[in-house]
């Protein structure tokens, strides 16, 4: 028993001031007041009953569902099964084995030690259900297939880490991003509450590989750089609200769309050769502007775009609007400039003068047309609208 008492004494010293980062109740020794805390006697696999102690005594068992876990400095725990715990405090090393594992933490996850989800590049999941989380970014390894999942019914800060895949689920609260984070895989948002959104503020550079969301984003004073495909899916008339921010599409042939009346209140900068807007059978509303960074930047419209910005789209680069099932609507409530070129179907709507910046050609042979609705007027500005 003396050895176990020494282990407990050393464990207490190791975690002194550490578990205080949690919002749990504590006893005078610095441990959670709940006696259901488990720690390691030695390194090993999670399902090895010989490595665990509970309450300072050898447990001869593995932690039960919703246990509190304390991994001291210098110890290594290998998660070789799916686990669900209440609070997880790690100063040692947490690693997963070669099979995809899911680690679910219902309370706080505080890790100043190593958190390694990269073993064998398996599909590991770290599910964070609590509000108070910390992961040492320099000791966080994701591999090529791991996913960190945040679940929240309240506003929650996203830890500034380099994620592979990041999933955000929310019924009520917003997710707030912080400087220093990136997503090299898929950023997916599943928001069941009408007011739940991702909030990205004051981030100079956020690199993301892929985005989907069912509701929307609030992005202020930030620049978002997206590579390898942008798939924006807004349900419930979700919006992307922008202030002083831009989305940069930085690789070729990227896709973006809005569903169910969703709107992109975003400036889309095409820092690549081609960006393709998917034809998904729904209108896509854009109050931000489209632009390119060079003459080789192309916006290839494959659907119905309601363009509601005063500035003509693609002032730099090419706007391709002569594809099948293509409709481009200039329908801002106010004056707009109109990009020169060949359109399949062009509609002038909203209100105010729609001023041509060059000759416009309508491909009626392919079934295209021109129309004017609302109180909008067309200002030829010395140019022509003709048909082919």
Protein backbone atom coordinates (compact mmCIF):
# COMPACT_ATOMS: atom_id res chain seq x y z
CA UNK A 1 0.00 0.00 0.00
CA UNK A 2 2.93 2.33 0.65
CA UNK A 3 3.76 2.33 -3.06
CA UNK A 4 0.25 3.34 -3.97
CA UNK A 5 0.28 6.10 -1.35
CA UNK A 6 3.48 7.40 -2.90
CA UNK A 7 1.87 7.25 -6.33
CA UNK A 8 -1.10 9.24 -5.06
CA UNK A 9 1.16 11.78 -3.36
CA UNK A 10 3.17 12.25 -6.52
CA UNK A 11 0.02 12.43 -8.62
CA UNK A 12 -1.44 15.09 -6.36
CA UNK A 13 1.74 17.18 -6.64
CA UNK A 14 1.79 16.77 -10.39
CA UNK A 15 -1.77 18.01 -10.76
CA UNK A 16 -1.60 20.73 -8.14
CA UNK A 17 -2.78 23.94 -9.83
CA UNK A 18 -3.56 21.97 -12.99
CA UNK A 19 -7.05 20.69 -12.33
CA UNK A 20 -7.85 24.18 -11.08
CA UNK A 21 -8.26 25.05 -14.76
CA UNK A 22 -11.47 23.03 -14.58
CA UNK A 23 -14.76 24.35 -13.27
CA UNK A 24 -15.29 21.19 -11.16
CA UNK A 25 -15.63 21.22 -7.39
CA UNK A 26 -12.37 20.28 -5.69
CA UNK A 27 -11.21 18.85 -2.41
CA UNK A 28 -8.41 20.51 -0.40
CA UNK A 29 -5.78 18.31 -2.08
CA UNK A 30 -6.55 19.70 -5.53
CA UNK A 31 -8.51 16.68 -6.79
CA UNK A 32 -12.11 16.86 -7.95
CA UNK A 33 -14.44 16.50 -4.96
CA UNK A 34 -16.06 13.55 -6.71
CA UNK A 35 -13.96 10.51 -5.66
CA UNK A 36 -14.48 8.89 -9.04
CA UNK A 37 -11.02 9.89 -10.31
CA UNK A 38 -8.80 7.34 -12.04
CA UNK A 39 -5.09 7.50 -12.76
CA UNK A 40 -2.22 5.31 -13.94
CA UNK A 41 0.15 3.10 -12.01
CA UNK A 42 2.08 2.41 -15.21
CA UNK A 43 1.88 2.95 -18.95
CA UNK A 44 -0.43 0.74 -20.95
CA UNK A 45 -3.64 0.15 -22.86
CA UNK A 46 -6.92 1.56 -21.62
CA UNK A 47 -8.51 -1.90 -21.30
CA UNK A 48 -5.70 -3.22 -19.05
CA UNK A 49 -7.10 -3.38 -15.52
CA UNK A 50 -3.59 -3.73 -14.04
CA UNK A 51 -2.53 -0.14 -14.85
CA UNK A 52 -5.32 1.77 -13.12
CA UNK A 53 -5.75 3.09 -9.62
CA UNK A 54 -8.85 4.72 -8.20
CA UNK A 55 -8.89 6.85 -5.05
CA UNK A 56 -5.21 6.04 -4.43
CA UNK A 57 -5.76 2.26 -4.51
CA UNK A 58 -5.07 -0.25 -7.22
CA UNK A 59 -8.39 -0.63 -8.98
CA UNK A 60 -8.05 -4.04 -10.69
CA UNK A 61 -10.60 -2.62 -13.10
CA UNK A 62 -10.84 -0.10 -15.90
CA UNK A 63 -12.58 3.27 -15.57
CA UNK A 64 -16.37 3.05 -15.80
CA UNK A 65 -18.59 5.24 -17.93
CA UNK A 66 -18.25 8.97 -17.09
CA UNK A 67 -15.22 8.56 -14.82
CA UNK A 68 -12.83 11.44 -14.11
CA UNK A 69 -9.40 10.70 -15.60
CA UNK A 70 -6.02 12.08 -14.46
CA UNK A 71 -2.93 11.19 -16.54
CA UNK A 72 0.21 12.37 -14.71
CA UNK A 73 3.37 13.70 -16.30
CA UNK A 74 5.54 10.95 -17.76
CA UNK A 75 2.71 8.41 -18.15
CA UNK A 76 1.36 7.14 -21.47
CA UNK A 77 -2.19 5.90 -21.94
CA UNK A 78 -3.10 4.16 -25.20
CA UNK A 79 -6.80 4.27 -26.01
CA UNK A 80 -7.56 0.93 -27.62
CA UNK A 81 -11.33 1.04 -27.32
CA UNK A 82 -14.07 3.64 -27.57
CA UNK A 83 -14.37 5.53 -24.27
CA UNK A 84 -16.72 8.03 -22.64
CA UNK A 85 -15.47 9.99 -19.63
CA UNK A 86 -16.68 12.93 -17.57
CA UNK A 87 -13.54 15.07 -17.20
CA UNK A 88 -10.12 14.27 -18.67
CA UNK A 89 -6.95 15.90 -17.33
CA UNK A 90 -3.76 14.99 -19.16
CA UNK A 91 -0.19 16.00 -18.34
CA UNK A 92 1.31 12.88 -19.83
CA UNK A 93 0.63 11.37 -23.25
CA UNK A 94 -2.72 10.36 -24.69
CA UNK A 95 -2.45 8.27 -27.85
CA UNK A 96 -4.80 6.11 -29.88
CA UNK A 97 -4.00 2.67 -31.21
CA UNK A 98 -4.06 1.65 -34.88
CA UNK A 99 -7.83 1.21 -35.04
CA UNK A 100 -10.21 4.15 -35.31
CA UNK A 101 -11.32 5.12 -31.79
CA UNK A 102 -13.81 7.62 -30.40
CA UNK A 103 -12.94 9.51 -27.21
CA UNK A 104 -15.99 11.28 -25.79
CA UNK A 105 -15.51 13.84 -23.00
CA UNK A 106 -18.74 15.06 -21.44
CA UNK A 107 -17.09 17.60 -19.15
CA UNK A 108 -13.72 19.37 -19.36
CA UNK A 109 -10.83 18.18 -21.50
CA UNK A 110 -7.61 19.80 -20.25
CA UNK A 111 -4.41 18.55 -21.87
CA UNK A 112 -1.07 20.25 -21.30
CA UNK A 113 0.63 17.02 -22.31
CA UNK A 114 0.59 15.27 -25.69
CA UNK A 115 -2.67 14.47 -27.47
CA UNK A 116 -1.94 12.16 -30.38
CA UNK A 117 -4.77 11.16 -32.73
CA UNK A 118 -2.47 10.28 -35.63
CA UNK A 119 -1.67 6.59 -35.00
CA UNK A 120 -1.81 4.65 -38.27
CA UNK A 121 -3.77 7.60 -39.70
CA UNK A 122 -6.92 5.81 -38.58
CA UNK A 123 -10.31 7.54 -38.31
CA UNK A 124 -10.06 8.68 -34.69
CA UNK A 125 -12.64 11.03 -33.14
CA UNK A 126 -12.27 13.34 -30.15
CA UNK A 127 -15.73 14.49 -29.07
CA UNK A 128 -15.82 17.50 -26.76
CA UNK A 129 -19.19 18.06 -25.09
CA UNK A 130 -18.01 20.42 -22.34
CA UNK A 131 -17.34 24.15 -22.38
CA UNK A 132 -13.95 24.43 -20.63
CA UNK A 133 -11.33 22.80 -22.86
CA UNK A 134 -7.61 23.27 -23.39
CA UNK A 135 -5.19 21.37 -25.65
CA UNK A 136 -1.52 22.25 -25.93
CA UNK A 137 -1.28 23.06 -29.64
CA UNK A 138 2.42 22.19 -30.01
CA UNK A 139 1.71 18.68 -28.64
CA UNK A 140 -1.44 18.01 -30.67
CA UNK A 141 -1.15 15.52 -33.58
CA UNK A 142 -4.08 14.88 -35.92
CA UNK A 143 -2.92 12.50 -38.65
CA UNK A 144 -4.73 12.49 -41.99
CA UNK A 145 -8.16 11.20 -40.95
CA UNK A 146 -8.95 12.29 -37.39
CA UNK A 147 -11.91 14.50 -36.49
CA UNK A 148 -12.45 16.75 -33.50
CA UNK A 149 -16.16 17.19 -32.77
CA UNK A 150 -17.58 20.02 -30.68
CA UNK A 151 -21.13 19.63 -29.34
CA UNK A 152 -22.69 22.60 -27.57
CA UNK A 153 -25.94 24.13 -26.47
CA UNK A 154 -24.16 27.32 -25.53
CA UNK A 155 -21.55 29.59 -27.09
CA UNK A 156 -18.20 27.83 -27.22
CA UNK A 157 -14.69 28.87 -28.21
CA UNK A 158 -12.92 26.69 -30.76
CA UNK A 159 -9.43 25.85 -29.58
CA UNK A 160 -6.65 27.39 -31.73
CA UNK A 161 -5.28 24.12 -33.13
CA UNK A 162 -4.23 22.67 -36.47
CA UNK A 163 -7.16 20.34 -37.14
CA UNK A 164 -7.50 17.70 -39.81
CA UNK A 165 -11.31 17.53 -39.79
CA UNK A 166 -13.49 19.69 -37.56
CA UNK A 167 -17.21 19.11 -36.92
CA UNK A 168 -19.38 21.63 -35.06
CA UNK A 169 -22.81 20.58 -33.81
CA UNK A 170 -25.08 23.09 -32.08
CA UNK A 171 -28.72 23.58 -31.14
CA UNK A 172 -28.47 27.06 -29.63
CA UNK A 173 -25.00 28.53 -29.22
CA UNK A 174 -22.46 29.99 -31.60
CA UNK A 175 -18.95 28.74 -32.19
CA UNK A 176 -16.23 31.39 -31.91
CA UNK A 177 -12.99 30.85 -33.82
CA UNK A 178 -9.64 32.16 -32.63
CA UNK A 179 -6.36 33.12 -34.27
CA UNK A 180 -3.90 30.28 -34.74
CA UNK A 181 -6.30 27.60 -35.96
CA UNK A 182 -6.50 25.85 -39.32
CA UNK A 183 -8.46 22.99 -40.86
CA UNK A 184 -6.60 20.92 -43.43
CA UNK A 185 -9.59 18.64 -44.06
CA UNK A 186 -13.33 19.29 -43.74
CA UNK A 187 -14.95 21.96 -41.56
CA UNK A 188 -18.55 20.85 -41.13
CA UNK A 189 -21.26 22.68 -39.22
CA UNK A 190 -24.54 21.06 -38.24
CA UNK A 191 -26.76 23.71 -36.67
CA UNK A 192 -30.28 22.75 -35.67
CA UNK A 193 -31.14 26.04 -34.01
CA UNK A 194 -32.05 29.00 -36.22
CA UNK A 195 -29.66 31.28 -34.31
CA UNK A 196 -26.67 28.93 -34.11
CA UNK A 197 -23.78 29.98 -36.32
CA UNK A 198 -20.03 29.91 -36.64
CA UNK A 199 -18.53 33.23 -35.55
CA UNK A 200 -15.12 34.08 -37.00
CA UNK A 201 -13.75 37.41 -35.84
CA UNK A 202 -10.45 39.27 -36.03
CA UNK A 203 -8.53 36.43 -37.67
CA UNK A 204 -5.92 37.61 -40.16
CA UNK A 205 -5.57 34.23 -41.87
CA UNK A 206 -7.68 31.08 -41.49
CA UNK A 207 -6.75 28.22 -43.82
CA UNK A 208 -9.55 25.73 -44.49
CA UNK A 209 -9.74 22.84 -46.93
CA UNK A 210 -13.50 22.37 -47.12
CA UNK A 211 -16.64 23.87 -45.56
CA UNK A 212 -20.23 22.71 -45.18
CA UNK A 213 -22.86 24.21 -42.92
CA UNK A 214 -26.61 23.88 -42.44
CA UNK A 215 -27.19 27.40 -41.17
CA UNK A 216 -24.57 30.11 -41.57
CA UNK A 217 -21.54 32.08 -40.56
CA UNK A 218 -20.79 35.45 -39.03
CA UNK A 219 -17.35 36.52 -40.18
CA UNK A 220 -15.90 39.88 -39.18
CA UNK A 221 -12.50 41.40 -39.89
CA UNK A 222 -11.10 38.10 -41.15
CA UNK A 223 -9.63 36.57 -44.28
CA UNK A 224 -10.55 32.96 -45.01
CA UNK A 225 -8.35 30.99 -47.41
CA UNK A 226 -10.04 27.88 -48.77
CA UNK A 227 -8.36 25.12 -50.77
CA UNK A 228 -9.37 21.85 -52.46
CA UNK A 229 -13.06 22.62 -52.78
CA UNK A 230 -15.43 24.97 -51.01
CA UNK A 231 -18.89 23.51 -50.53
CA UNK A 232 -21.06 26.05 -48.73
CA UNK A 233 -24.46 24.56 -48.02
CA UNK A 234 -26.81 26.88 -46.15
CA UNK A 235 -30.15 25.56 -44.97
CA UNK A 236 -32.93 27.39 -43.14
CA UNK A 237 -32.18 30.50 -45.19
CA UNK A 238 -28.81 30.61 -43.43
CA UNK A 239 -26.58 33.56 -44.20
CA UNK A 240 -22.93 34.35 -44.29
CA UNK A 241 -22.65 37.76 -42.67
CA UNK A 242 -19.46 39.62 -43.43
CA UNK A 243 -17.78 42.79 -42.22
CA UNK A 244 -14.41 43.75 -43.70
CA UNK A 245 -13.72 40.14 -44.69
CA UNK A 246 -13.02 38.02 -47.75
CA UNK A 247 -13.08 34.37 -48.77
CA UNK A 248 -10.18 33.43 -51.04
CA UNK A 249 -10.51 30.35 -53.25
CA UNK A 250 -6.91 29.34 -53.71
CA UNK A 251 -7.00 26.10 -55.72
CA UNK A 252 -8.59 25.27 -59.05
CA UNK A 253 -12.12 24.03 -59.70
CA UNK A 254 -13.64 24.84 -56.34
CA UNK A 255 -17.37 24.59 -55.73
CA UNK A 256 -19.72 26.75 -53.72
CA UNK A 257 -23.49 26.83 -53.38
CA UNK A 258 -26.35 28.00 -51.20
CA UNK A 259 -29.42 25.90 -50.51
CA UNK A 260 -33.00 26.63 -49.47
CA UNK A 261 -32.77 30.36 -49.98
CA UNK A 262 -29.41 30.65 -48.27
CA UNK A 263 -27.35 33.76 -48.89
CA UNK A 264 -23.64 34.47 -49.17
CA UNK A 265 -23.00 37.91 -47.76
CA UNK A 266 -19.38 37.47 -48.71
CA UNK A 267 -16.71 38.79 -51.00
CA UNK A 268 -15.46 35.82 -53.03
CA UNK A 269 -11.93 36.32 -54.35
CA UNK A 270 -10.85 33.76 -56.93
CA UNK A 271 -7.14 33.31 -56.38
CA UNK A 272 -7.03 30.39 -58.80
CA UNK A 273 -7.73 29.55 -62.43
CA UNK A 274 -11.34 28.36 -62.18
CA UNK A 275 -14.08 28.47 -59.57
CA UNK A 276 -17.31 26.65 -60.40
CA UNK A 277 -20.66 27.41 -58.82
CA UNK A 278 -22.61 24.13 -58.57
CA UNK A 279 -26.06 23.93 -60.14
CA UNK A 280 -28.05 22.51 -57.23
CA UNK A 281 -31.52 23.60 -58.35
CA UNK A 282 -31.76 26.56 -55.94
CA UNK A 283 -31.19 30.27 -56.18
CA UNK A 284 -27.91 31.47 -54.71
CA UNK A 285 -28.02 34.98 -53.26
CA UNK A 286 -24.82 37.05 -53.16
CA UNK A 287 -24.60 40.46 -51.55
CA UNK A 288 -20.81 40.38 -51.57
CA UNK A 289 -18.83 40.83 -54.77
CA UNK A 290 -17.01 38.33 -56.98
CA UNK A 291 -13.52 39.18 -58.16
CA UNK A 292 -10.31 37.56 -59.35
CA UNK A 293 -6.66 38.25 -58.76
CA UNK A 294 -5.54 37.96 -62.39
CA UNK A 295 -6.89 37.72 -65.92
CA UNK A 296 -6.77 33.91 -65.64
CA UNK A 297 -9.25 33.84 -62.72
CA UNK A 298 -12.60 32.43 -63.88
CA UNK A 299 -16.03 32.32 -62.28
CA UNK A 300 -17.91 29.59 -64.16
CA UNK A 301 -21.60 29.88 -63.24
CA UNK A 302 -23.57 26.63 -63.50
CA UNK A 303 -26.79 27.69 -61.80
CA UNK A 304 -28.95 30.66 -60.76
CA UNK A 305 -27.16 33.56 -59.14
CA UNK A 306 -28.95 36.53 -57.60
CA UNK A 307 -26.18 39.11 -57.62
CA UNK A 308 -26.91 41.97 -55.24
CA UNK A 309 -23.66 43.92 -55.10
CA UNK A 310 -23.22 47.33 -56.71
CA UNK A 311 -19.85 46.39 -58.20
CA UNK A 312 -19.81 44.39 -61.42
CA UNK A 313 -18.75 40.77 -60.85
CA UNK A 314 -15.24 39.70 -61.84
CA UNK A 315 -13.74 43.12 -62.47
CA UNK A 316 -10.52 41.15 -62.80
CA UNK A 317 -10.81 37.84 -64.64
CA UNK A 318 -13.59 36.18 -66.62
CA UNK A 319 -17.28 35.64 -65.80
CA UNK A 320 -18.63 32.62 -67.71
CA UNK A 321 -22.45 32.70 -67.87
CA UNK A 322 -23.27 30.87 -71.11
CA UNK A 323 -23.58 27.35 -69.76
CA UNK A 324 -26.76 25.28 -69.73
CA UNK A 325 -29.28 26.06 -66.94
CA UNK A 326 -27.52 29.36 -66.40
CA UNK A 327 -29.31 32.44 -65.08
CA UNK A 328 -27.54 35.54 -63.84
CA UNK A 329 -29.74 38.08 -62.08
CA UNK A 330 -28.65 41.62 -61.34
CA UNK A 331 -31.33 42.27 -58.72
CA UNK A 332 -29.89 44.62 -56.14
CA UNK A 333 -32.21 47.16 -54.54
CA UNK A 334 -30.21 49.98 -56.08
CA UNK A 335 -27.86 50.80 -58.95
CA UNK A 336 -25.47 48.13 -60.25
CA UNK A 337 -22.74 47.79 -62.84
CA UNK A 338 -23.13 44.93 -65.34
CA UNK A 339 -20.21 42.84 -66.58
CA UNK A 340 -19.81 42.67 -70.37
CA UNK A 341 -19.97 39.26 -72.01
CA UNK A 342 -22.24 36.51 -73.32
CA UNK A 343 -25.07 35.39 -71.05
CA UNK A 344 -27.44 32.45 -71.40
CA UNK A 345 -30.17 34.22 -69.41
CA UNK A 346 -29.81 37.66 -67.87
CA UNK A 347 -32.39 39.33 -65.66
CA UNK A 348 -32.41 42.91 -64.39
CA UNK A 349 -34.44 43.26 -61.19
CA UNK A 350 -34.73 45.01 -57.89
CA UNK A 351 -34.51 48.75 -58.41
CA UNK A 352 -32.18 51.39 -59.78
CA UNK A 353 -30.19 51.63 -62.99
CA UNK A 354 -28.26 48.58 -64.23
CA UNK A 355 -25.34 50.17 -66.07
CA UNK A 356 -23.51 48.20 -68.77
CA UNK A 357 -19.72 48.30 -68.66
CA UNK A 358 -19.47 46.74 -72.12
CA UNK A 359 -21.50 44.98 -74.79
CA UNK A 360 -23.83 42.21 -73.60
CA UNK A 361 -24.85 39.27 -75.80
CA UNK A 362 -27.82 36.96 -75.05
CA UNK A 363 -27.65 33.37 -76.36
CA UNK A 364 -31.30 32.95 -77.36
CA UNK A 365 -30.38 30.14 -79.74
CA UNK A 366 -29.59 28.00 -76.71
CA UNK A 367 -32.83 29.04 -74.98
CA UNK A 368 -31.55 32.15 -73.24
CA UNK A 369 -33.45 35.37 -72.67
CA UNK A 370 -33.39 38.88 -71.21
CA UNK A 371 -35.97 40.36 -68.84
CA UNK A 372 -36.47 43.35 -66.56
CA UNK A 373 -38.55 43.23 -63.39
CA UNK A 374 -39.44 45.51 -60.51
CA UNK A 375 -38.47 49.14 -60.93
CA UNK A 376 -35.08 48.36 -62.42
CA UNK A 377 -33.94 50.20 -65.55
CA UNK A 378 -31.15 49.42 -67.99
CA UNK A 379 -28.49 52.06 -68.67
CA UNK A 380 -26.77 51.07 -71.93
CA UNK A 381 -23.99 53.54 -71.13
CA UNK A 382 -23.06 53.71 -74.85
CA UNK A 383 -22.98 49.91 -75.29
CA UNK A 384 -25.44 47.40 -76.77
CA UNK A 385 -27.47 44.33 -75.85
CA UNK A 386 -27.70 41.93 -78.78
CA UNK A 387 -28.72 38.31 -79.33
CA UNK A 388 -27.21 35.30 -81.06
